[in-house]
Amino acid sequence: EADCPDKLCVKQGKVRKVGQSLICLPNKVVVEVVSKKSDDKSAVDA
């Protein structure tokens, strides 16, 4: 479920492979599949 207007994140389907992601741009949410757990909540991507 999502409360964003276009619901594209809901339509993206299921992910399980490393590097796959689910993205909701209006809510600024990114769910990314990784192999190792990262506890660093201040990690910088770029």
ModelCIF file with pLDDT and N, C-alpha, C, O atoms, coordinates in Angstrom:
data_MODEL
#
_entry.id   MODEL 
#
_entity.id                         1 
_entity.type                       polymer 
_entity.pdbx_number_of_molecules   1 
#
_entity_poly.entity_id                      1 
_entity_poly.type                           'polypeptide(L)' 
_entity_poly.nstd_linkage                   no 
_entity_poly.nstd_monomer                   no 
_entity_poly.pdbx_seq_one_letter_code       EADCPDKLCVKQGKVRKVGQSLICLPNKVVVEVVSKKSDDKSAVDA 
_entity_poly.pdbx_seq_one_letter_code_can   EADCPDKLCVKQGKVRKVGQSLICLPNKVVVEVVSKKSDDKSAVDA 
_entity_poly.pdbx_strand_id                 A 
#
loop_
_entity_poly_seq.entity_id 
_entity_poly_seq.num 
_entity_poly_seq.mon_id 
_entity_poly_seq.hetero 
1 1  GLU n 
1 2  ALA n 
1 3  ASP n 
1 4  CYS n 
1 5  PRO n 
1 6  ASP n 
1 7  LYS n 
1 8  LEU n 
1 9  CYS n 
1 10 VAL n 
1 11 LYS n 
1 12 GLN n 
1 13 GLY n 
1 14 LYS n 
1 15 VAL n 
1 16 ARG n 
1 17 LYS n 
1 18 VAL n 
1 19 GLY n 
1 20 GLN n 
1 21 SER n 
1 22 LEU n 
1 23 ILE n 
1 24 CYS n 
1 25 LEU n 
1 26 PRO n 
1 27 ASN n 
1 28 LYS n 
1 29 VAL n 
1 30 VAL n 
1 31 VAL n 
1 32 GLU n 
1 33 VAL n 
1 34 VAL n 
1 35 SER n 
1 36 LYS n 
1 37 LYS n 
1 38 SER n 
1 39 ASP n 
1 40 ASP n 
1 41 LYS n 
1 42 SER n 
1 43 ALA n 
1 44 VAL n 
1 45 ASP n 
1 46 ALA n 
#
_struct_asym.id          A 
_struct_asym.entity_id   1 
#
loop_
_ma_qa_metric.id 
_ma_qa_metric.mode 
_ma_qa_metric.name 
_ma_qa_metric.software_group_id 
_ma_qa_metric.type 
1 global pLDDT . pLDDT 
2 local  pLDDT . pLDDT 
#
_ma_qa_metric_global.metric_id      1 
_ma_qa_metric_global.metric_value   84.63 
_ma_qa_metric_global.model_id       1 
_ma_qa_metric_global.ordinal_id     1 
#
loop_
_ma_qa_metric_local.label_asym_id 
_ma_qa_metric_local.label_comp_id 
_ma_qa_metric_local.label_seq_id 
_ma_qa_metric_local.metric_id 
_ma_qa_metric_local.metric_value 
_ma_qa_metric_local.model_id 
_ma_qa_metric_local.ordinal_id 
A GLU 1  2 95.00 1 1  
A ALA 2  2 95.00 1 2  
A ASP 3  2 94.00 1 3  
A CYS 4  2 92.00 1 4  
A PRO 5  2 92.00 1 5  
A ASP 6  2 92.00 1 6  
A LYS 7  2 93.00 1 7  
A LEU 8  2 95.00 1 8  
A CYS 9  2 94.00 1 9  
A VAL 10 2 95.00 1 10 
A LYS 11 2 95.00 1 11 
A GLN 12 2 95.00 1 12 
A GLY 13 2 94.00 1 13 
A LYS 14 2 96.00 1 14 
A VAL 15 2 96.00 1 15 
A ARG 16 2 93.00 1 16 
A LYS 17 2 92.00 1 17 
A VAL 18 2 91.00 1 18 
A GLY 19 2 89.00 1 19 
A GLN 20 2 93.00 1 20 
A SER 21 2 95.00 1 21 
A LEU 22 2 97.00 1 22 
A ILE 23 2 96.00 1 23 
A CYS 24 2 95.00 1 24 
A LEU 25 2 94.00 1 25 
A PRO 26 2 94.00 1 26 
A ASN 27 2 94.00 1 27 
A LYS 28 2 94.00 1 28 
A VAL 29 2 96.00 1 29 
A VAL 30 2 96.00 1 30 
A VAL 31 2 96.00 1 31 
A GLU 32 2 96.00 1 32 
A VAL 33 2 95.00 1 33 
A VAL 34 2 94.00 1 34 
A SER 35 2 88.00 1 35 
A LYS 36 2 82.00 1 36 
A LYS 37 2 72.00 1 37 
A SER 38 2 66.00 1 38 
A ASP 39 2 54.00 1 39 
A ASP 40 2 50.00 1 40 
A LYS 41 2 47.00 1 41 
A SER 42 2 45.00 1 42 
A ALA 43 2 46.00 1 43 
A VAL 44 2 46.00 1 44 
A ASP 45 2 47.00 1 45 
A ALA 46 2 47.00 1 46 
#
loop_
_atom_site.group_PDB 
_atom_site.id 
_atom_site.type_symbol 
_atom_site.label_atom_id 
_atom_site.label_alt_id 
_atom_site.label_comp_id 
_atom_site.label_asym_id 
_atom_site.label_entity_id 
_atom_site.label_seq_id 
_atom_site.pdbx_PDB_ins_code 
_atom_site.Cartn_x 
_atom_site.Cartn_y 
_atom_site.Cartn_z 
_atom_site.occupancy 
_atom_site.B_iso_or_equiv 
_atom_site.pdbx_formal_charge 
_atom_site.auth_seq_id 
_atom_site.auth_comp_id 
_atom_site.auth_asym_id 
_atom_site.auth_atom_id 
_atom_site.pdbx_PDB_model_num 
ATOM 1   N N  . GLU A 1 1  ? 0.841  -1.201  0.000   1.00 95.00 ? 1  GLU A N  1 
ATOM 2   C CA . GLU A 1 1  ? 0.000  0.000   0.000   1.00 95.00 ? 1  GLU A CA 1 
ATOM 3   C C  . GLU A 1 1  ? 0.871  1.243   0.000   1.00 95.00 ? 1  GLU A C  1 
ATOM 4   O O  . GLU A 1 1  ? 1.992  1.230   0.507   1.00 95.00 ? 1  GLU A O  1 
ATOM 5   N N  . ALA A 1 2  ? 0.345  2.312   -0.571  1.00 95.00 ? 2  ALA A N  1 
ATOM 6   C CA . ALA A 1 2  ? 1.017  3.607   -0.532  1.00 95.00 ? 2  ALA A CA 1 
ATOM 7   C C  . ALA A 1 2  ? -0.024 4.699   -0.672  1.00 95.00 ? 2  ALA A C  1 
ATOM 8   O O  . ALA A 1 2  ? -1.047 4.521   -1.333  1.00 95.00 ? 2  ALA A O  1 
ATOM 9   N N  . ASP A 1 3  ? 0.251  5.841   -0.037  1.00 94.00 ? 3  ASP A N  1 
ATOM 10  C CA . ASP A 1 3  ? -0.698 6.947   -0.153  1.00 94.00 ? 3  ASP A CA 1 
ATOM 11  C C  . ASP A 1 3  ? -0.252 7.971   -1.200  1.00 94.00 ? 3  ASP A C  1 
ATOM 12  O O  . ASP A 1 3  ? -0.803 9.070   -1.266  1.00 94.00 ? 3  ASP A O  1 
ATOM 13  N N  . CYS A 1 4  ? 0.737  7.616   -2.011  1.00 92.00 ? 4  CYS A N  1 
ATOM 14  C CA . CYS A 1 4  ? 1.165  8.511   -3.082  1.00 92.00 ? 4  CYS A CA 1 
ATOM 15  C C  . CYS A 1 4  ? 0.122  8.505   -4.204  1.00 92.00 ? 4  CYS A C  1 
ATOM 16  O O  . CYS A 1 4  ? -0.641 7.547   -4.327  1.00 92.00 ? 4  CYS A O  1 
ATOM 17  N N  . PRO A 1 5  ? 0.080  9.556   -5.019  1.00 92.00 ? 5  PRO A N  1 
ATOM 18  C CA . PRO A 1 5  ? -0.986 9.660   -6.021  1.00 92.00 ? 5  PRO A CA 1 
ATOM 19  C C  . PRO A 1 5  ? -0.914 8.630   -7.154  1.00 92.00 ? 5  PRO A C  1 
ATOM 20  O O  . PRO A 1 5  ? -1.956 8.175   -7.626  1.00 92.00 ? 5  PRO A O  1 
ATOM 21  N N  . ASP A 1 6  ? 0.283  8.255   -7.597  1.00 92.00 ? 6  ASP A N  1 
ATOM 22  C CA . ASP A 1 6  ? 0.373  7.380   -8.773  1.00 92.00 ? 6  ASP A CA 1 
ATOM 23  C C  . ASP A 1 6  ? 0.470  5.889   -8.454  1.00 92.00 ? 6  ASP A C  1 
ATOM 24  O O  . ASP A 1 6  ? 0.198  5.062   -9.324  1.00 92.00 ? 6  ASP A O  1 
ATOM 25  N N  . LYS A 1 7  ? 0.844  5.533   -7.251  1.00 93.00 ? 7  LYS A N  1 
ATOM 26  C CA . LYS A 1 7  ? 0.948  4.132   -6.790  1.00 93.00 ? 7  LYS A CA 1 
ATOM 27  C C  . LYS A 1 7  ? 1.911  3.290   -7.645  1.00 93.00 ? 7  LYS A C  1 
ATOM 28  O O  . LYS A 1 7  ? 1.750  2.073   -7.741  1.00 93.00 ? 7  LYS A O  1 
ATOM 29  N N  . LEU A 1 8  ? 2.905  3.933   -8.262  1.00 95.00 ? 8  LEU A N  1 
ATOM 30  C CA . LEU A 1 8  ? 3.872  3.186   -9.066  1.00 95.00 ? 8  LEU A CA 1 
ATOM 31  C C  . LEU A 1 8  ? 4.690  2.220   -8.220  1.00 95.00 ? 8  LEU A C  1 
ATOM 32  O O  . LEU A 1 8  ? 5.071  1.149   -8.693  1.00 95.00 ? 8  LEU A O  1 
ATOM 33  N N  . CYS A 1 9  ? 4.961  2.588   -6.977  1.00 94.00 ? 9  CYS A N  1 
ATOM 34  C CA . CYS A 1 9  ? 5.742  1.713   -6.098  1.00 94.00 ? 9  CYS A CA 1 
ATOM 35  C C  . CYS A 1 9  ? 5.000  0.406   -5.830  1.00 94.00 ? 9  CYS A C  1 
ATOM 36  O O  . CYS A 1 9  ? 5.632  -0.639  -5.675  1.00 94.00 ? 9  CYS A O  1 
ATOM 37  N N  . VAL A 1 10 ? 3.694  0.449   -5.775  1.00 95.00 ? 10 VAL A N  1 
ATOM 38  C CA . VAL A 1 10 ? 2.889  -0.752  -5.553  1.00 95.00 ? 10 VAL A CA 1 
ATOM 39  C C  . VAL A 1 10 ? 2.934  -1.644  -6.793  1.00 95.00 ? 10 VAL A C  1 
ATOM 40  O O  . VAL A 1 10 ? 2.897  -2.870  -6.686  1.00 95.00 ? 10 VAL A O  1 
ATOM 41  N N  . LYS A 1 11 ? 3.013  -1.023  -7.962  1.00 95.00 ? 11 LYS A N  1 
ATOM 42  C CA . LYS A 1 11 ? 2.992  -1.764  -9.229  1.00 95.00 ? 11 LYS A CA 1 
ATOM 43  C C  . LYS A 1 11 ? 4.353  -2.330  -9.618  1.00 95.00 ? 11 LYS A C  1 
ATOM 44  O O  . LYS A 1 11 ? 4.449  -3.056  -10.608 1.00 95.00 ? 11 LYS A O  1 
ATOM 45  N N  . GLN A 1 12 ? 5.416  -2.015  -8.861  1.00 95.00 ? 12 GLN A N  1 
ATOM 46  C CA . GLN A 1 12 ? 6.759  -2.468  -9.219  1.00 95.00 ? 12 GLN A CA 1 
ATOM 47  C C  . GLN A 1 12 ? 6.965  -3.964  -9.023  1.00 95.00 ? 12 GLN A C  1 
ATOM 48  O O  . GLN A 1 12 ? 7.893  -4.538  -9.592  1.00 95.00 ? 12 GLN A O  1 
ATOM 49  N N  . GLY A 1 13 ? 6.128  -4.591  -8.241  1.00 94.00 ? 13 GLY A N  1 
ATOM 50  C CA . GLY A 1 13 ? 6.243  -6.035  -8.049  1.00 94.00 ? 13 GLY A CA 1 
ATOM 51  C C  . GLY A 1 13 ? 7.152  -6.400  -6.891  1.00 94.00 ? 13 GLY A C  1 
ATOM 52  O O  . GLY A 1 13 ? 7.402  -5.592  -5.997  1.00 94.00 ? 13 GLY A O  1 
ATOM 53  N N  . LYS A 1 14 ? 7.645  -7.637  -6.922  1.00 96.00 ? 14 LYS A N  1 
ATOM 54  C CA . LYS A 1 14 ? 8.445  -8.179  -5.828  1.00 96.00 ? 14 LYS A CA 1 
ATOM 55  C C  . LYS A 1 14 ? 9.926  -8.155  -6.180  1.00 96.00 ? 14 LYS A C  1 
ATOM 56  O O  . LYS A 1 14 ? 10.310 -8.306  -7.340  1.00 96.00 ? 14 LYS A O  1 
ATOM 57  N N  . VAL A 1 15 ? 10.753 -7.959  -5.147  1.00 96.00 ? 15 VAL A N  1 
ATOM 58  C CA . VAL A 1 15 ? 12.209 -7.966  -5.320  1.00 96.00 ? 15 VAL A CA 1 
ATOM 59  C C  . VAL A 1 15 ? 12.829 -8.962  -4.354  1.00 96.00 ? 15 VAL A C  1 
ATOM 60  O O  . VAL A 1 15 ? 12.326 -9.174  -3.251  1.00 96.00 ? 15 VAL A O  1 
ATOM 61  N N  . ARG A 1 16 ? 13.945 -9.580  -4.790  1.00 93.00 ? 16 ARG A N  1 
ATOM 62  C CA . ARG A 1 16 ? 14.680 -10.494 -3.919  1.00 93.00 ? 16 ARG A CA 1 
ATOM 63  C C  . ARG A 1 16 ? 16.160 -10.571 -4.257  1.00 93.00 ? 16 ARG A C  1 
ATOM 64  O O  . ARG A 1 16 ? 16.949 -11.064 -3.451  1.00 93.00 ? 16 ARG A O  1 
ATOM 65  N N  . LYS A 1 17 ? 16.549 -10.093 -5.433  1.00 92.00 ? 17 LYS A N  1 
ATOM 66  C CA . LYS A 1 17 ? 17.942 -10.160 -5.884  1.00 92.00 ? 17 LYS A CA 1 
ATOM 67  C C  . LYS A 1 17 ? 18.710 -8.935  -5.403  1.00 92.00 ? 17 LYS A C  1 
ATOM 68  O O  . LYS A 1 17 ? 18.161 -7.835  -5.333  1.00 92.00 ? 17 LYS A O  1 
ATOM 69  N N  . VAL A 1 18 ? 19.994 -9.133  -5.071  1.00 91.00 ? 18 VAL A N  1 
ATOM 70  C CA . VAL A 1 18 ? 20.843 -8.040  -4.617  1.00 91.00 ? 18 VAL A CA 1 
ATOM 71  C C  . VAL A 1 18 ? 20.866 -6.943  -5.685  1.00 91.00 ? 18 VAL A C  1 
ATOM 72  O O  . VAL A 1 18 ? 21.078 -7.216  -6.866  1.00 91.00 ? 18 VAL A O  1 
ATOM 73  N N  . GLY A 1 19 ? 20.647 -5.715  -5.257  1.00 89.00 ? 19 GLY A N  1 
ATOM 74  C CA . GLY A 1 19 ? 20.656 -4.574  -6.164  1.00 89.00 ? 19 GLY A CA 1 
ATOM 75  C C  . GLY A 1 19 ? 19.279 -4.153  -6.639  1.00 89.00 ? 19 GLY A C  1 
ATOM 76  O O  . GLY A 1 19 ? 19.118 -3.033  -7.123  1.00 89.00 ? 19 GLY A O  1 
ATOM 77  N N  . GLN A 1 20 ? 18.282 -5.017  -6.515  1.00 93.00 ? 20 GLN A N  1 
ATOM 78  C CA . GLN A 1 20 ? 16.931 -4.621  -6.905  1.00 93.00 ? 20 GLN A CA 1 
ATOM 79  C C  . GLN A 1 20 ? 16.369 -3.658  -5.869  1.00 93.00 ? 20 GLN A C  1 
ATOM 80  O O  . GLN A 1 20 ? 16.750 -3.697  -4.699  1.00 93.00 ? 20 GLN A O  1 
ATOM 81  N N  . SER A 1 21 ? 15.462 -2.795  -6.308  1.00 95.00 ? 21 SER A N  1 
ATOM 82  C CA . SER A 1 21 ? 14.898 -1.826  -5.367  1.00 95.00 ? 21 SER A CA 1 
ATOM 83  C C  . SER A 1 21 ? 13.455 -1.496  -5.712  1.00 95.00 ? 21 SER A C  1 
ATOM 84  O O  . SER A 1 21 ? 12.991 -1.687  -6.836  1.00 95.00 ? 21 SER A O  1 
ATOM 85  N N  . LEU A 1 22 ? 12.776 -0.998  -4.703  1.00 97.00 ? 22 LEU A N  1 
ATOM 86  C CA . LEU A 1 22 ? 11.419 -0.469  -4.829  1.00 97.00 ? 22 LEU A CA 1 
ATOM 87  C C  . LEU A 1 22 ? 11.517 1.011   -4.482  1.00 97.00 ? 22 LEU A C  1 
ATOM 88  O O  . LEU A 1 22 ? 12.103 1.374   -3.461  1.00 97.00 ? 22 LEU A O  1 
ATOM 89  N N  . ILE A 1 23 ? 10.952 1.857   -5.317  1.00 96.00 ? 23 ILE A N  1 
ATOM 90  C CA . ILE A 1 23 ? 11.129 3.293   -5.124  1.00 96.00 ? 23 ILE A CA 1 
ATOM 91  C C  . ILE A 1 23 ? 9.779  4.003   -5.168  1.00 96.00 ? 23 ILE A C  1 
ATOM 92  O O  . ILE A 1 23 ? 8.974  3.785   -6.073  1.00 96.00 ? 23 ILE A O  1 
ATOM 93  N N  . CYS A 1 24 ? 9.552  4.854   -4.175  1.00 95.00 ? 24 CYS A N  1 
ATOM 94  C CA . CYS A 1 24 ? 8.379  5.721   -4.141  1.00 95.00 ? 24 CYS A CA 1 
ATOM 95  C C  . CYS A 1 24 ? 8.894  7.162   -4.108  1.00 95.00 ? 24 CYS A C  1 
ATOM 96  O O  . CYS A 1 24 ? 9.257  7.674   -3.049  1.00 95.00 ? 24 CYS A O  1 
ATOM 97  N N  . LEU A 1 25 ? 8.922  7.800   -5.258  1.00 94.00 ? 25 LEU A N  1 
ATOM 98  C CA . LEU A 1 25 ? 9.466  9.160   -5.341  1.00 94.00 ? 25 LEU A CA 1 
ATOM 99  C C  . LEU A 1 25 ? 8.673  10.186  -4.539  1.00 94.00 ? 25 LEU A C  1 
ATOM 100 O O  . LEU A 1 25 ? 9.283  10.997  -3.842  1.00 94.00 ? 25 LEU A O  1 
ATOM 101 N N  . PRO A 1 26 ? 7.327  10.191  -4.604  1.00 94.00 ? 26 PRO A N  1 
ATOM 102 C CA . PRO A 1 26 ? 6.602  11.208  -3.836  1.00 94.00 ? 26 PRO A CA 1 
ATOM 103 C C  . PRO A 1 26 ? 6.881  11.132  -2.327  1.00 94.00 ? 26 PRO A C  1 
ATOM 104 O O  . PRO A 1 26 ? 6.939  12.162  -1.655  1.00 94.00 ? 26 PRO A O  1 
ATOM 105 N N  . ASN A 1 27 ? 7.052  9.923   -1.802  1.00 94.00 ? 27 ASN A N  1 
ATOM 106 C CA . ASN A 1 27 ? 7.299  9.765   -0.364  1.00 94.00 ? 27 ASN A CA 1 
ATOM 107 C C  . ASN A 1 27 ? 8.785  9.670   -0.033  1.00 94.00 ? 27 ASN A C  1 
ATOM 108 O O  . ASN A 1 27 ? 9.152  9.532   1.134   1.00 94.00 ? 27 ASN A O  1 
ATOM 109 N N  . LYS A 1 28 ? 9.645  9.745   -1.057  1.00 94.00 ? 28 LYS A N  1 
ATOM 110 C CA . LYS A 1 28 ? 11.103 9.685   -0.895  1.00 94.00 ? 28 LYS A CA 1 
ATOM 111 C C  . LYS A 1 28 ? 11.548 8.409   -0.193  1.00 94.00 ? 28 LYS A C  1 
ATOM 112 O O  . LYS A 1 28 ? 12.416 8.443   0.679   1.00 94.00 ? 28 LYS A O  1 
ATOM 113 N N  . VAL A 1 29 ? 10.949 7.284   -0.578  1.00 96.00 ? 29 VAL A N  1 
ATOM 114 C CA . VAL A 1 29 ? 11.248 5.979   0.021   1.00 96.00 ? 29 VAL A CA 1 
ATOM 115 C C  . VAL A 1 29 ? 11.969 5.110   -1.004  1.00 96.00 ? 29 VAL A C  1 
ATOM 116 O O  . VAL A 1 29 ? 11.545 5.007   -2.155  1.00 96.00 ? 29 VAL A O  1 
ATOM 117 N N  . VAL A 1 30 ? 13.068 4.484   -0.569  1.00 96.00 ? 30 VAL A N  1 
ATOM 118 C CA . VAL A 1 30 ? 13.792 3.512   -1.387  1.00 96.00 ? 30 VAL A CA 1 
ATOM 119 C C  . VAL A 1 30 ? 14.004 2.270   -0.536  1.00 96.00 ? 30 VAL A C  1 
ATOM 120 O O  . VAL A 1 30 ? 14.566 2.345   0.557   1.00 96.00 ? 30 VAL A O  1 
ATOM 121 N N  . VAL A 1 31 ? 13.555 1.133   -1.040  1.00 96.00 ? 31 VAL A N  1 
ATOM 122 C CA . VAL A 1 31 ? 13.764 -0.153  -0.385  1.00 96.00 ? 31 VAL A CA 1 
ATOM 123 C C  . VAL A 1 31 ? 14.706 -0.926  -1.291  1.00 96.00 ? 31 VAL A C  1 
ATOM 124 O O  . VAL A 1 31 ? 14.352 -1.245  -2.426  1.00 96.00 ? 31 VAL A O  1 
ATOM 125 N N  . GLU A 1 32 ? 15.916 -1.233  -0.798  1.00 96.00 ? 32 GLU A N  1 
ATOM 126 C CA . GLU A 1 32 ? 16.933 -1.885  -1.621  1.00 96.00 ? 32 GLU A CA 1 
ATOM 127 C C  . GLU A 1 32 ? 17.329 -3.224  -1.022  1.00 96.00 ? 32 GLU A C  1 
ATOM 128 O O  . GLU A 1 32 ? 17.517 -3.344  0.189   1.00 96.00 ? 32 GLU A O  1 
ATOM 129 N N  . VAL A 1 33 ? 17.456 -4.238  -1.887  1.00 95.00 ? 33 VAL A N  1 
ATOM 130 C CA . VAL A 1 33 ? 17.886 -5.568  -1.460  1.00 95.00 ? 33 VAL A CA 1 
ATOM 131 C C  . VAL A 1 33 ? 19.406 -5.574  -1.371  1.00 95.00 ? 33 VAL A C  1 
ATOM 132 O O  . VAL A 1 33 ? 20.098 -5.185  -2.312  1.00 95.00 ? 33 VAL A O  1 
ATOM 133 N N  . VAL A 1 34 ? 19.917 -6.025  -0.217  1.00 94.00 ? 34 VAL A N  1 
ATOM 134 C CA . VAL A 1 34 ? 21.362 -6.090  0.014   1.00 94.00 ? 34 VAL A CA 1 
ATOM 135 C C  . VAL A 1 34 ? 21.725 -7.471  0.550   1.00 94.00 ? 34 VAL A C  1 
ATOM 136 O O  . VAL A 1 34 ? 20.861 -8.220  1.006   1.00 94.00 ? 34 VAL A O  1 
ATOM 137 N N  . SER A 1 35 ? 23.008 -7.796  0.490   1.00 88.00 ? 35 SER A N  1 
ATOM 138 C CA . SER A 1 35 ? 23.440 -9.102  0.972   1.00 88.00 ? 35 SER A CA 1 
ATOM 139 C C  . SER A 1 35 ? 23.861 -9.063  2.433   1.00 88.00 ? 35 SER A C  1 
ATOM 140 O O  . SER A 1 35 ? 23.725 -10.056 3.148   1.00 88.00 ? 35 SER A O  1 
ATOM 141 N N  . LYS A 1 36 ? 24.375 -7.910  2.881   1.00 82.00 ? 36 LYS A N  1 
ATOM 142 C CA . LYS A 1 36 ? 24.849 -7.787  4.263   1.00 82.00 ? 36 LYS A CA 1 
ATOM 143 C C  . LYS A 1 36 ? 24.067 -6.707  4.986   1.00 82.00 ? 36 LYS A C  1 
ATOM 144 O O  . LYS A 1 36 ? 23.638 -5.719  4.390   1.00 82.00 ? 36 LYS A O  1 
ATOM 145 N N  . LYS A 1 37 ? 23.892 -6.913  6.267   1.00 72.00 ? 37 LYS A N  1 
ATOM 146 C CA . LYS A 1 37 ? 23.176 -5.937  7.091   1.00 72.00 ? 37 LYS A CA 1 
ATOM 147 C C  . LYS A 1 37 ? 24.090 -4.762  7.393   1.00 72.00 ? 37 LYS A C  1 
ATOM 148 O O  . LYS A 1 37 ? 25.236 -4.946  7.803   1.00 72.00 ? 37 LYS A O  1 
ATOM 149 N N  . SER A 1 38 ? 23.582 -3.563  7.191   1.00 66.00 ? 38 SER A N  1 
ATOM 150 C CA . SER A 1 38 ? 24.331 -2.358  7.505   1.00 66.00 ? 38 SER A CA 1 
ATOM 151 C C  . SER A 1 38 ? 23.639 -1.653  8.653   1.00 66.00 ? 38 SER A C  1 
ATOM 152 O O  . SER A 1 38 ? 22.471 -1.277  8.555   1.00 66.00 ? 38 SER A O  1 
ATOM 153 N N  . ASP A 1 39 ? 24.373 -1.477  9.746   1.00 54.00 ? 39 ASP A N  1 
ATOM 154 C CA . ASP A 1 39 ? 23.814 -0.768  10.895  1.00 54.00 ? 39 ASP A CA 1 
ATOM 155 C C  . ASP A 1 39 ? 24.163 0.710   10.865  1.00 54.00 ? 39 ASP A C  1 
ATOM 156 O O  . ASP A 1 39 ? 23.733 1.469   11.734  1.00 54.00 ? 39 ASP A O  1 
ATOM 157 N N  . ASP A 1 40 ? 24.947 1.127   9.863   1.00 50.00 ? 40 ASP A N  1 
ATOM 158 C CA . ASP A 1 40 ? 25.360 2.507   9.760   1.00 50.00 ? 40 ASP A CA 1 
ATOM 159 C C  . ASP A 1 40 ? 24.232 3.348   9.206   1.00 50.00 ? 40 ASP A C  1 
ATOM 160 O O  . ASP A 1 40 ? 24.047 3.406   7.990   1.00 50.00 ? 40 ASP A O  1 
ATOM 161 N N  . LYS A 1 41 ? 23.484 3.993   10.057  1.00 47.00 ? 41 LYS A N  1 
ATOM 162 C CA . LYS A 1 41 ? 22.338 4.784   9.625   1.00 47.00 ? 41 LYS A CA 1 
ATOM 163 C C  . LYS A 1 41 ? 22.741 6.139   9.069   1.00 47.00 ? 41 LYS A C  1 
ATOM 164 O O  . LYS A 1 41 ? 21.891 6.911   8.624   1.00 47.00 ? 41 LYS A O  1 
ATOM 165 N N  . SER A 1 42 ? 24.048 6.431   9.095   1.00 45.00 ? 42 SER A N  1 
ATOM 166 C CA . SER A 1 42 ? 24.505 7.702   8.530   1.00 45.00 ? 42 SER A CA 1 
ATOM 167 C C  . SER A 1 42 ? 25.298 7.473   7.249   1.00 45.00 ? 42 SER A C  1 
ATOM 168 O O  . SER A 1 42 ? 25.993 8.376   6.782   1.00 45.00 ? 42 SER A O  1 
ATOM 169 N N  . ALA A 1 43 ? 25.202 6.284   6.682   1.00 46.00 ? 43 ALA A N  1 
ATOM 170 C CA . ALA A 1 43 ? 25.963 5.975   5.468   1.00 46.00 ? 43 ALA A CA 1 
ATOM 171 C C  . ALA A 1 43 ? 25.569 6.921   4.335   1.00 46.00 ? 43 ALA A C  1 
ATOM 172 O O  . ALA A 1 43 ? 24.399 7.262   4.160   1.00 46.00 ? 43 ALA A O  1 
ATOM 173 N N  . VAL A 1 44 ? 26.578 7.331   3.575   1.00 46.00 ? 44 VAL A N  1 
ATOM 174 C CA . VAL A 1 44 ? 26.355 8.251   2.474   1.00 46.00 ? 44 VAL A CA 1 
ATOM 175 C C  . VAL A 1 44 ? 26.490 7.489   1.170   1.00 46.00 ? 44 VAL A C  1 
ATOM 176 O O  . VAL A 1 44 ? 27.473 6.778   0.961   1.00 46.00 ? 44 VAL A O  1 
ATOM 177 N N  . ASP A 1 45 ? 25.508 7.633   0.291   1.00 47.00 ? 45 ASP A N  1 
ATOM 178 C CA . ASP A 1 45 ? 25.556 7.002   -1.033  1.00 47.00 ? 45 ASP A CA 1 
ATOM 179 C C  . ASP A 1 45 ? 26.403 7.829   -1.984  1.00 47.00 ? 45 ASP A C  1 
ATOM 180 O O  . ASP A 1 45 ? 27.275 7.296   -2.671  1.00 47.00 ? 45 ASP A O  1 
ATOM 181 N N  . ALA A 1 46 ? 26.147 9.137   -2.025  1.00 47.00 ? 46 ALA A N  1 
ATOM 182 C CA . ALA A 1 46 ? 26.843 10.010  -2.974  1.00 47.00 ? 46 ALA A CA 1 
ATOM 183 C C  . ALA A 1 46 ? 26.788 11.428  -2.476  1.00 47.00 ? 46 ALA A C  1 
ATOM 184 O O  . ALA A 1 46 ? 27.315 12.330  -3.126  1.00 47.00 ? 46 ALA A O  1 
#
